[in-house]
Structure formats: C-alpha cells, structure tokens
Amino acid sequence: MSMGFIAAPLIVFMVVVAPLWLILHYRSKRHASQGLSSEDQEKLQSLVVRAEQMQTRIVTLEKILDAEAPQWRHKQ
C-alpha cells in the first residue's frame, strides 16, 4: 500500500511534468543561443551612444570642477 503512494505521483511526474520541463528547458536554451534580436541590438546601440554622451559630459564637468575647485578630488 505504501508503494502506491510513491508510485502514483512518480508516474504522473514522469509522464506529464518531466517532458514539459525538458521541452521548455531546451527551447529556452535554443532561444538564448541565437543571440540578440535586431530590436535588442538597436537598444544596445542607443545605450552605447548615450553612455558615450554621458562620458563626455562627465569629462566636461570634471574640467569645470578642476578649474573652480581644484581640491574637489581630494575631499571625501
């Protein structure tokens, strides 16, 4: 009788859950290995451009601070 309590859920798991789990796992692996979509590449490129603009602004701000408050880097 105790074997039935273990066998029934195990059979359900092996017949229903395990195949779905494997199918979804390998589908996600295949999707991840395809790389970035064109939309994702465009977003990434726009983020790169914005990061470069921010870097330019930071350099400009540091130059202004160096001119107006030369000791700002040493204050923490």
N, C-alpha and C. Protein backbone atom coordinates (compact mmCIF):
# COMPACT_ATOMS: atom_id res chain seq x y z
N MET A 1 0.82 -1.19 0.00
CA MET A 1 0.00 0.00 0.00
C MET A 1 0.86 1.26 0.00
N SER A 2 1.94 1.24 0.77
CA SER A 2 2.80 2.43 0.82
C SER A 2 3.52 2.66 -0.51
N MET A 3 3.72 1.60 -1.27
CA MET A 3 4.38 1.75 -2.57
C MET A 3 3.48 2.51 -3.55
N GLY A 4 2.17 2.39 -3.41
CA GLY A 4 1.22 3.09 -4.26
C GLY A 4 1.26 4.59 -4.06
N PHE A 5 1.51 5.02 -2.83
CA PHE A 5 1.60 6.45 -2.54
C PHE A 5 2.80 7.08 -3.21
N ILE A 6 3.83 6.32 -3.40
CA ILE A 6 5.04 6.82 -4.04
C ILE A 6 4.97 6.63 -5.55
N ALA A 7 4.44 5.53 -5.99
CA ALA A 7 4.43 5.19 -7.41
C ALA A 7 3.52 6.10 -8.22
N ALA A 8 2.34 6.41 -7.71
CA ALA A 8 1.39 7.23 -8.47
C ALA A 8 1.94 8.63 -8.77
N PRO A 9 2.41 9.37 -7.78
CA PRO A 9 2.98 10.69 -8.09
C PRO A 9 4.23 10.59 -8.97
N LEU A 10 5.00 9.55 -8.80
CA LEU A 10 6.19 9.37 -9.62
C LEU A 10 5.82 9.14 -11.08
N ILE A 11 4.79 8.35 -11.32
CA ILE A 11 4.33 8.09 -12.69
C ILE A 11 3.78 9.37 -13.31
N VAL A 12 3.00 10.12 -12.55
CA VAL A 12 2.46 11.40 -13.06
C VAL A 12 3.60 12.36 -13.38
N PHE A 13 4.58 12.41 -12.51
CA PHE A 13 5.72 13.28 -12.75
C PHE A 13 6.45 12.89 -14.03
N MET A 14 6.73 11.61 -14.19
CA MET A 14 7.49 11.13 -15.36
C MET A 14 6.71 11.28 -16.66
N VAL A 15 5.38 11.19 -16.61
CA VAL A 15 4.56 11.24 -17.83
C VAL A 15 4.21 12.68 -18.20
N VAL A 16 3.96 13.54 -17.23
CA VAL A 16 3.47 14.89 -17.52
C VAL A 16 4.53 15.95 -17.28
N VAL A 17 5.05 16.01 -16.10
CA VAL A 17 5.92 17.12 -15.71
C VAL A 17 7.29 17.04 -16.37
N ALA A 18 7.94 15.92 -16.34
CA ALA A 18 9.29 15.79 -16.87
C ALA A 18 9.38 16.13 -18.36
N PRO A 19 8.49 15.63 -19.22
CA PRO A 19 8.58 16.01 -20.64
C PRO A 19 8.37 17.51 -20.87
N LEU A 20 7.40 18.10 -20.17
CA LEU A 20 7.19 19.55 -20.31
C LEU A 20 8.41 20.32 -19.85
N TRP A 21 8.98 19.89 -18.75
CA TRP A 21 10.16 20.54 -18.21
C TRP A 21 11.31 20.48 -19.22
N LEU A 22 11.54 19.33 -19.79
CA LEU A 22 12.62 19.18 -20.77
C LEU A 22 12.37 20.01 -22.03
N ILE A 23 11.14 20.00 -22.52
CA ILE A 23 10.82 20.78 -23.72
C ILE A 23 11.05 22.26 -23.46
N LEU A 24 10.54 22.78 -22.37
CA LEU A 24 10.71 24.20 -22.06
C LEU A 24 12.17 24.55 -21.80
N HIS A 25 12.90 23.67 -21.16
CA HIS A 25 14.32 23.92 -20.88
C HIS A 25 15.12 24.06 -22.17
N TYR A 26 14.97 23.10 -23.07
CA TYR A 26 15.76 23.13 -24.30
C TYR A 26 15.28 24.22 -25.26
N ARG A 27 13.99 24.59 -25.19
CA ARG A 27 13.54 25.71 -26.01
C ARG A 27 14.19 27.01 -25.54
N SER A 28 14.28 27.20 -24.22
CA SER A 28 14.91 28.41 -23.71
C SER A 28 16.41 28.41 -24.01
N LYS A 29 17.05 27.25 -23.97
CA LYS A 29 18.47 27.17 -24.33
C LYS A 29 18.69 27.55 -25.79
N ARG A 30 17.83 27.07 -26.67
CA ARG A 30 17.96 27.38 -28.09
C ARG A 30 17.74 28.87 -28.33
N HIS A 31 16.76 29.44 -27.63
CA HIS A 31 16.47 30.86 -27.79
C HIS A 31 17.65 31.70 -27.29
N ALA A 32 18.26 31.30 -26.19
CA ALA A 32 19.38 32.05 -25.64
C ALA A 32 20.62 31.95 -26.53
N SER A 33 20.80 30.84 -27.21
CA SER A 33 22.00 30.67 -28.04
C SER A 33 21.89 31.40 -29.37
N GLN A 34 20.69 31.85 -29.74
CA GLN A 34 20.53 32.57 -31.00
C GLN A 34 21.09 33.97 -30.93
N GLY A 35 21.31 34.49 -29.78
CA GLY A 35 21.89 35.82 -29.64
C GLY A 35 20.82 36.89 -29.54
N LEU A 36 21.25 38.13 -29.75
CA LEU A 36 20.35 39.26 -29.62
C LEU A 36 19.50 39.43 -30.87
N SER A 37 18.26 39.82 -30.66
CA SER A 37 17.40 40.13 -31.80
C SER A 37 17.78 41.50 -32.34
N SER A 38 17.26 41.85 -33.49
CA SER A 38 17.60 43.15 -34.09
C SER A 38 17.10 44.28 -33.20
N GLU A 39 15.95 44.10 -32.56
CA GLU A 39 15.44 45.13 -31.65
C GLU A 39 16.37 45.31 -30.46
N ASP A 40 16.85 44.20 -29.91
CA ASP A 40 17.78 44.28 -28.79
C ASP A 40 19.09 44.93 -29.20
N GLN A 41 19.57 44.65 -30.41
CA GLN A 41 20.79 45.27 -30.89
C GLN A 41 20.63 46.77 -31.05
N GLU A 42 19.46 47.21 -31.53
CA GLU A 42 19.21 48.64 -31.66
C GLU A 42 19.18 49.32 -30.29
N LYS A 43 18.54 48.67 -29.32
CA LYS A 43 18.51 49.22 -27.97
C LYS A 43 19.91 49.31 -27.38
N LEU A 44 20.69 48.27 -27.59
CA LEU A 44 22.06 48.26 -27.08
C LEU A 44 22.88 49.37 -27.72
N GLN A 45 22.73 49.56 -29.02
CA GLN A 45 23.47 50.61 -29.71
C GLN A 45 23.08 51.99 -29.19
N SER A 46 21.78 52.20 -28.96
CA SER A 46 21.36 53.51 -28.43
C SER A 46 21.90 53.72 -27.02
N LEU A 47 21.99 52.66 -26.22
CA LEU A 47 22.57 52.77 -24.89
C LEU A 47 24.06 53.10 -24.96
N VAL A 48 24.75 52.54 -25.94
CA VAL A 48 26.18 52.84 -26.12
C VAL A 48 26.37 54.32 -26.45
N VAL A 49 25.52 54.83 -27.35
CA VAL A 49 25.61 56.25 -27.73
C VAL A 49 25.35 57.14 -26.52
N ARG A 50 24.32 56.80 -25.74
CA ARG A 50 24.01 57.61 -24.54
C ARG A 50 25.14 57.54 -23.52
N ALA A 51 25.76 56.38 -23.37
CA ALA A 51 26.87 56.25 -22.42
C ALA A 51 28.06 57.10 -22.86
N GLU A 52 28.32 57.14 -24.17
CA GLU A 52 29.42 57.98 -24.66
C GLU A 52 29.11 59.45 -24.44
N GLN A 53 27.86 59.87 -24.63
CA GLN A 53 27.47 61.25 -24.36
C GLN A 53 27.64 61.59 -22.89
N MET A 54 27.26 60.67 -22.03
CA MET A 54 27.41 60.91 -20.59
C MET A 54 28.88 61.00 -20.20
N GLN A 55 29.71 60.18 -20.83
CA GLN A 55 31.14 60.23 -20.54
C GLN A 55 31.72 61.59 -20.93
N THR A 56 31.29 62.11 -22.06
CA THR A 56 31.74 63.44 -22.50
C THR A 56 31.30 64.50 -21.50
N ARG A 57 30.07 64.40 -21.04
CA ARG A 57 29.57 65.37 -20.05
C ARG A 57 30.34 65.28 -18.74
N ILE A 58 30.66 64.08 -18.32
CA ILE A 58 31.40 63.90 -17.08
C ILE A 58 32.79 64.53 -17.19
N VAL A 59 33.45 64.31 -18.31
CA VAL A 59 34.78 64.90 -18.52
C VAL A 59 34.68 66.42 -18.47
N THR A 60 33.66 66.99 -19.11
CA THR A 60 33.47 68.44 -19.10
C THR A 60 33.23 68.95 -17.68
N LEU A 61 32.37 68.27 -16.93
CA LEU A 61 32.11 68.67 -15.55
C LEU A 61 33.36 68.58 -14.68
N GLU A 62 34.17 67.55 -14.89
CA GLU A 62 35.41 67.43 -14.12
C GLU A 62 36.38 68.57 -14.45
N LYS A 63 36.43 68.97 -15.70
CA LYS A 63 37.29 70.11 -16.08
C LYS A 63 36.81 71.39 -15.41
N ILE A 64 35.50 71.60 -15.37
CA ILE A 64 34.95 72.79 -14.71
C ILE A 64 35.27 72.76 -13.23
N LEU A 65 35.07 71.62 -12.59
CA LEU A 65 35.39 71.50 -11.16
C LEU A 65 36.88 71.68 -10.90
N ASP A 66 37.72 71.16 -11.76
CA ASP A 66 39.17 71.35 -11.60
C ASP A 66 39.54 72.82 -11.66
N ALA A 67 38.86 73.56 -12.52
CA ALA A 67 39.16 74.99 -12.65
C ALA A 67 38.62 75.79 -11.48
N GLU A 68 37.42 75.46 -11.00
CA GLU A 68 36.80 76.26 -9.95
C GLU A 68 37.10 75.78 -8.54
N ALA A 69 37.32 74.51 -8.35
CA ALA A 69 37.60 73.96 -7.02
C ALA A 69 38.65 72.87 -7.16
N PRO A 70 39.92 73.25 -7.22
CA PRO A 70 40.98 72.29 -7.51
C PRO A 70 41.10 71.13 -6.50
N GLN A 71 40.64 71.32 -5.29
CA GLN A 71 40.77 70.27 -4.26
C GLN A 71 39.56 69.35 -4.17
N TRP A 72 38.64 69.41 -5.12
CA TRP A 72 37.41 68.61 -5.03
C TRP A 72 37.67 67.11 -5.08
N ARG A 73 38.72 66.69 -5.77
CA ARG A 73 39.01 65.26 -5.87
C ARG A 73 39.53 64.68 -4.56
N HIS A 74 40.14 65.50 -3.74
CA HIS A 74 40.74 65.01 -2.50
C HIS A 74 39.76 65.03 -1.34
N LYS A 75 38.60 65.64 -1.52
CA LYS A 75 37.60 65.67 -0.45
C LYS A 75 36.73 64.42 -0.54
N GLN A 76 36.64 63.72 0.60
CA GLN A 76 35.77 62.53 0.65
C GLN A 76 35.15 62.40 1.98
